[in-house]
Amino acid sequence: MKKEGKRLFAKTGLSDPLDQQIYGYLSEKISAGSLSGGDRLVEAELQKVFKVSRTPIREALRILTSRGLLEMVPGKGASVRRVSSEDIKEIYPVLANLEGLAASLAADQISQEPLAEMQSCLEHMESLNQAGERRSYIEYHYRFHELYIQSCHNRHLIQIIMDLRRQIHLYRLSHLYIPMAHSYSMTIHQKILQLFREKSKKEVEELVKEHMLIAMDRFLSSKPGT
């Protein structure tokens, strides 16, 4: 991890408590794959990076652990959690219903800007699939979903969904495979985007839920790397 000290936060202008800023920074590093399953987070090293006392570091690690992104190993400290297929079985049904709810709430209020970026994500996914760039493909797929989740404007729902999605993202990045056929994935995502444009609340909620549950089945039936 690059040792940037307080400059990590100075340019953002954030007024959140230090532990929340550190939590946000580390959770984004995990989501981006800069920190992966099994990587250790040593308090003393984090102190040098952030130039703060151990108190906000420990609180940030506690939050990350409570949200399923870290695990505490006796005698070794905190490390990025390795997500298993059993975790996927438990997470996806919950996530399918919560993300469906977020899609329903977003349908009435999503603006043209996120809709345009969702279209851009699909275009990138198409070109990246042809180029065989799986990691980048997954990043745009993740962003497509994030755009309408954020557009539901319910901060509690967003927080829960994003924490669950980060756990799934850990599994995806560690295995580096696309969990369903590209043609099917593009068709479903294009339909989701169209339903948002039509402000079809019920239809987009049901399609998002169906998409998530099919994704779970593909996760569990496909071998990593295939």
Protein backbone atom coordinates (compact mmCIF):
# COMPACT_ATOMS: atom_id res chain seq x y z
CA MET A 1 0.00 0.00 0.00
CA LYS A 2 1.40 3.40 -0.98
CA LYS A 3 2.43 5.47 2.01
CA GLU A 4 0.68 8.77 1.35
CA GLY A 5 -0.14 9.71 4.95
CA LYS A 6 -2.65 12.46 5.50
CA ARG A 7 -2.68 13.31 1.79
CA LEU A 8 -5.04 10.34 1.39
CA PHE A 9 -7.78 12.54 2.85
CA ALA A 10 -6.54 16.11 2.43
CA LYS A 11 -7.72 16.41 -1.18
CA THR A 12 -11.16 14.96 -0.54
CA GLY A 13 -12.34 17.61 1.90
CA LEU A 14 -14.16 14.98 3.91
CA SER A 15 -15.40 15.95 7.37
CA ASP A 16 -16.21 12.39 8.50
CA PRO A 17 -14.44 11.02 11.60
CA LEU A 18 -11.04 9.50 10.88
CA ASP A 19 -12.22 5.94 11.46
CA GLN A 20 -14.95 6.39 8.85
CA GLN A 21 -12.50 7.88 6.36
CA ILE A 22 -10.06 5.01 6.90
CA TYR A 23 -12.90 2.49 6.62
CA GLY A 24 -14.04 4.05 3.34
CA TYR A 25 -10.54 4.10 1.91
CA LEU A 26 -9.78 0.47 2.80
CA SER A 27 -13.18 -0.80 1.65
CA GLU A 28 -12.60 0.82 -1.74
CA LYS A 29 -9.16 -0.80 -1.94
CA ILE A 30 -10.80 -4.16 -1.27
CA SER A 31 -13.50 -3.53 -3.89
CA ALA A 32 -10.88 -2.55 -6.48
CA GLY A 33 -8.85 -5.71 -5.82
CA SER A 34 -5.83 -3.78 -4.50
CA LEU A 35 -6.36 -5.78 -1.31
CA SER A 36 -7.42 -9.39 -1.85
CA GLY A 37 -8.42 -12.43 0.20
CA GLY A 38 -5.79 -13.35 2.76
CA ASP A 39 -3.93 -10.02 2.68
CA ARG A 40 -3.03 -8.90 6.22
CA LEU A 41 -3.74 -5.43 7.57
CA VAL A 42 -1.16 -4.65 10.24
CA GLU A 43 -2.06 -1.83 12.63
CA ALA A 44 1.51 -0.51 12.90
CA GLU A 45 1.86 -0.33 9.11
CA LEU A 46 -1.52 1.39 8.74
CA GLN A 47 -0.45 3.96 11.31
CA LYS A 48 2.51 4.87 9.11
CA VAL A 49 0.27 5.14 6.06
CA PHE A 50 -2.44 7.30 7.64
CA LYS A 51 -0.31 9.07 10.27
CA VAL A 52 -2.92 8.64 13.00
CA SER A 53 -3.10 6.91 16.37
CA ARG A 54 -4.16 3.28 16.68
CA THR A 55 -7.67 4.18 17.91
CA PRO A 56 -9.22 5.15 14.52
CA ILE A 57 -7.30 2.31 12.84
CA ARG A 58 -8.76 -0.26 15.22
CA GLU A 59 -12.26 1.16 14.85
CA ALA A 60 -12.02 1.08 11.05
CA LEU A 61 -10.85 -2.56 11.18
CA ARG A 62 -13.72 -3.37 13.54
CA ILE A 63 -16.25 -1.88 11.10
CA LEU A 64 -14.71 -3.77 8.16
CA THR A 65 -14.88 -6.99 10.18
CA SER A 66 -18.51 -6.43 11.21
CA ARG A 67 -19.43 -5.91 7.56
CA GLY A 68 -17.83 -9.14 6.44
CA LEU A 69 -14.81 -7.75 4.60
CA LEU A 70 -12.15 -8.69 7.16
CA GLU A 71 -11.63 -11.58 9.52
CA MET A 72 -9.68 -11.57 12.75
CA VAL A 73 -7.23 -14.46 13.10
CA PRO A 74 -5.98 -15.13 16.66
CA GLY A 75 -2.29 -14.28 16.92
CA LYS A 76 -2.17 -12.82 13.40
CA GLY A 77 -4.57 -9.88 13.47
CA ALA A 78 -6.85 -8.75 10.64
CA SER A 79 -6.80 -10.03 7.08
CA VAL A 80 -9.05 -9.61 4.06
CA ARG A 81 -11.70 -12.29 4.18
CA ARG A 82 -11.71 -15.17 1.72
CA VAL A 83 -15.27 -15.63 0.46
CA SER A 84 -16.41 -19.23 -0.08
CA SER A 85 -19.15 -20.82 -2.16
CA GLU A 86 -21.12 -21.30 1.07
CA ASP A 87 -21.00 -17.55 1.59
CA ILE A 88 -22.35 -17.08 -1.94
CA LYS A 89 -25.31 -19.36 -1.15
CA GLU A 90 -26.19 -17.23 1.86
CA ILE A 91 -25.51 -13.80 0.41
CA TYR A 92 -27.21 -13.94 -2.99
CA PRO A 93 -30.85 -14.56 -1.94
CA VAL A 94 -30.63 -11.67 0.51
CA LEU A 95 -28.89 -9.44 -2.01
CA ALA A 96 -31.39 -10.30 -4.76
CA ASN A 97 -34.30 -9.01 -2.68
CA LEU A 98 -32.49 -5.93 -1.39
CA GLU A 99 -31.15 -4.96 -4.81
CA GLY A 100 -34.59 -5.52 -6.32
CA LEU A 101 -36.01 -3.11 -3.74
CA ALA A 102 -33.30 -0.55 -4.55
CA ALA A 103 -34.10 -0.86 -8.27
CA SER A 104 -37.80 -0.28 -7.57
CA LEU A 105 -37.05 2.83 -5.50
CA ALA A 106 -34.60 4.11 -8.11
CA ALA A 107 -37.02 3.70 -11.03
CA ASP A 108 -38.99 6.82 -10.08
CA GLN A 109 -36.02 9.08 -9.44
CA ILE A 110 -33.00 7.98 -11.46
CA SER A 111 -31.65 10.87 -13.56
CA GLN A 112 -30.28 10.98 -17.09
CA GLU A 113 -26.67 11.15 -15.92
CA PRO A 114 -26.53 7.67 -14.30
CA LEU A 115 -28.61 6.26 -17.15
CA ALA A 116 -26.04 7.55 -19.63
CA GLU A 117 -23.18 6.10 -17.59
CA MET A 118 -24.99 2.75 -17.40
CA GLN A 119 -25.14 2.73 -21.20
CA SER A 120 -21.43 3.53 -21.30
CA CYS A 121 -20.74 0.62 -18.94
CA LEU A 122 -22.52 -1.75 -21.33
CA GLU A 123 -20.46 -0.48 -24.25
CA HIS A 124 -17.25 -1.01 -22.30
CA MET A 125 -18.39 -4.50 -21.25
CA GLU A 126 -18.92 -5.40 -24.91
CA SER A 127 -15.47 -4.28 -26.01
CA LEU A 128 -13.71 -5.73 -22.96
CA ASN A 129 -15.37 -9.11 -23.50
CA GLN A 130 -14.05 -9.18 -27.05
CA ALA A 131 -10.57 -8.27 -25.78
CA GLY A 132 -10.69 -10.92 -23.04
CA GLU A 133 -10.12 -8.32 -20.31
CA ARG A 134 -12.01 -10.07 -17.52
CA ARG A 135 -10.98 -7.97 -14.53
CA SER A 136 -11.95 -4.72 -16.27
CA TYR A 137 -15.18 -6.32 -17.50
CA ILE A 138 -16.09 -7.17 -13.91
CA GLU A 139 -15.34 -3.58 -12.80
CA TYR A 140 -17.78 -2.12 -15.35
CA HIS A 141 -20.38 -4.75 -14.49
CA TYR A 142 -20.02 -3.77 -10.83
CA ARG A 143 -20.34 -0.07 -11.71
CA PHE A 144 -23.50 -0.67 -13.78
CA HIS A 145 -25.25 -2.05 -10.70
CA GLU A 146 -23.78 0.57 -8.38
CA LEU A 147 -25.27 3.40 -10.45
CA TYR A 148 -28.90 2.39 -9.94
CA ILE A 149 -28.30 1.25 -6.36
CA GLN A 150 -27.00 4.73 -5.49
CA SER A 151 -29.99 6.24 -7.29
CA CYS A 152 -32.45 4.76 -4.77
CA HIS A 153 -31.26 7.49 -2.34
CA ASN A 154 -31.82 5.33 0.74
CA ARG A 155 -28.48 5.46 2.54
CA HIS A 156 -29.20 2.54 4.87
CA LEU A 157 -30.25 0.26 2.02
CA ILE A 158 -27.27 1.38 -0.06
CA GLN A 159 -24.83 0.62 2.77
CA ILE A 160 -26.16 -2.91 3.31
CA ILE A 161 -26.21 -3.71 -0.41
CA MET A 162 -22.72 -2.37 -1.07
CA ASP A 163 -21.25 -4.31 1.86
CA LEU A 164 -22.78 -7.54 0.50
CA ARG A 165 -21.68 -6.73 -3.05
CA ARG A 166 -18.11 -6.15 -1.87
CA GLN A 167 -18.04 -9.67 -0.44
CA ILE A 168 -19.24 -11.13 -3.74
CA HIS A 169 -16.76 -8.92 -5.57
CA LEU A 170 -13.96 -10.44 -3.51
CA TYR A 171 -15.01 -13.88 -4.76
CA ARG A 172 -15.20 -12.66 -8.34
CA LEU A 173 -11.81 -10.99 -8.33
CA SER A 174 -10.13 -13.96 -6.69
CA HIS A 175 -11.45 -16.35 -9.34
CA LEU A 176 -11.39 -13.95 -12.30
CA TYR A 177 -14.20 -15.45 -14.28
CA ILE A 178 -17.41 -14.04 -15.73
CA PRO A 179 -20.27 -15.91 -14.02
CA MET A 180 -22.65 -16.14 -16.98
CA ALA A 181 -22.62 -16.23 -20.78
CA HIS A 182 -21.76 -12.82 -22.18
CA SER A 183 -24.69 -12.71 -24.62
CA TYR A 184 -27.15 -13.50 -21.82
CA SER A 185 -25.54 -10.98 -19.47
CA MET A 186 -25.69 -8.18 -22.06
CA THR A 187 -29.31 -8.93 -22.93
CA ILE A 188 -30.38 -8.80 -19.27
CA HIS A 189 -28.44 -5.60 -18.53
CA GLN A 190 -29.82 -3.88 -21.62
CA LYS A 191 -33.34 -4.85 -20.53
CA ILE A 192 -32.70 -3.53 -17.01
CA LEU A 193 -31.52 -0.22 -18.47
CA GLN A 194 -34.58 -0.02 -20.72
CA LEU A 195 -36.93 -0.62 -17.78
CA PHE A 196 -35.27 2.21 -15.87
CA ARG A 197 -35.78 4.49 -18.86
CA GLU A 198 -39.46 3.48 -18.89
CA LYS A 199 -39.70 3.93 -15.09
CA SER A 200 -41.18 0.42 -14.81
CA LYS A 201 -40.89 -0.10 -11.06
CA LYS A 202 -42.34 -3.58 -10.63
CA GLU A 203 -40.81 -5.00 -13.79
CA VAL A 204 -37.29 -3.79 -13.03
CA GLU A 205 -37.53 -5.03 -9.43
CA GLU A 206 -38.50 -8.53 -10.59
CA LEU A 207 -35.89 -8.65 -13.37
CA VAL A 208 -33.08 -7.56 -11.03
CA LYS A 209 -34.08 -10.23 -8.51
CA GLU A 210 -34.26 -12.89 -11.23
CA HIS A 211 -30.89 -11.80 -12.62
CA MET A 212 -29.24 -12.03 -9.20
CA LEU A 213 -30.60 -15.51 -8.48
CA ILE A 214 -29.54 -16.80 -11.90
CA ALA A 215 -26.10 -15.31 -11.24
CA MET A 216 -25.95 -17.27 -7.98
CA ASP A 217 -26.73 -20.52 -9.80
CA ARG A 218 -24.03 -19.78 -12.36
CA PHE A 219 -21.54 -19.02 -9.60
CA LEU A 220 -22.22 -22.30 -7.88
CA SER A 221 -22.32 -24.46 -11.03
CA SER A 222 -19.29 -22.99 -12.83
CA LYS A 223 -15.71 -23.81 -12.03
CA PRO A 224 -13.38 -20.87 -11.35
CA GLY A 225 -11.57 -19.80 -14.48
CA THR A 226 -14.16 -21.23 -16.89
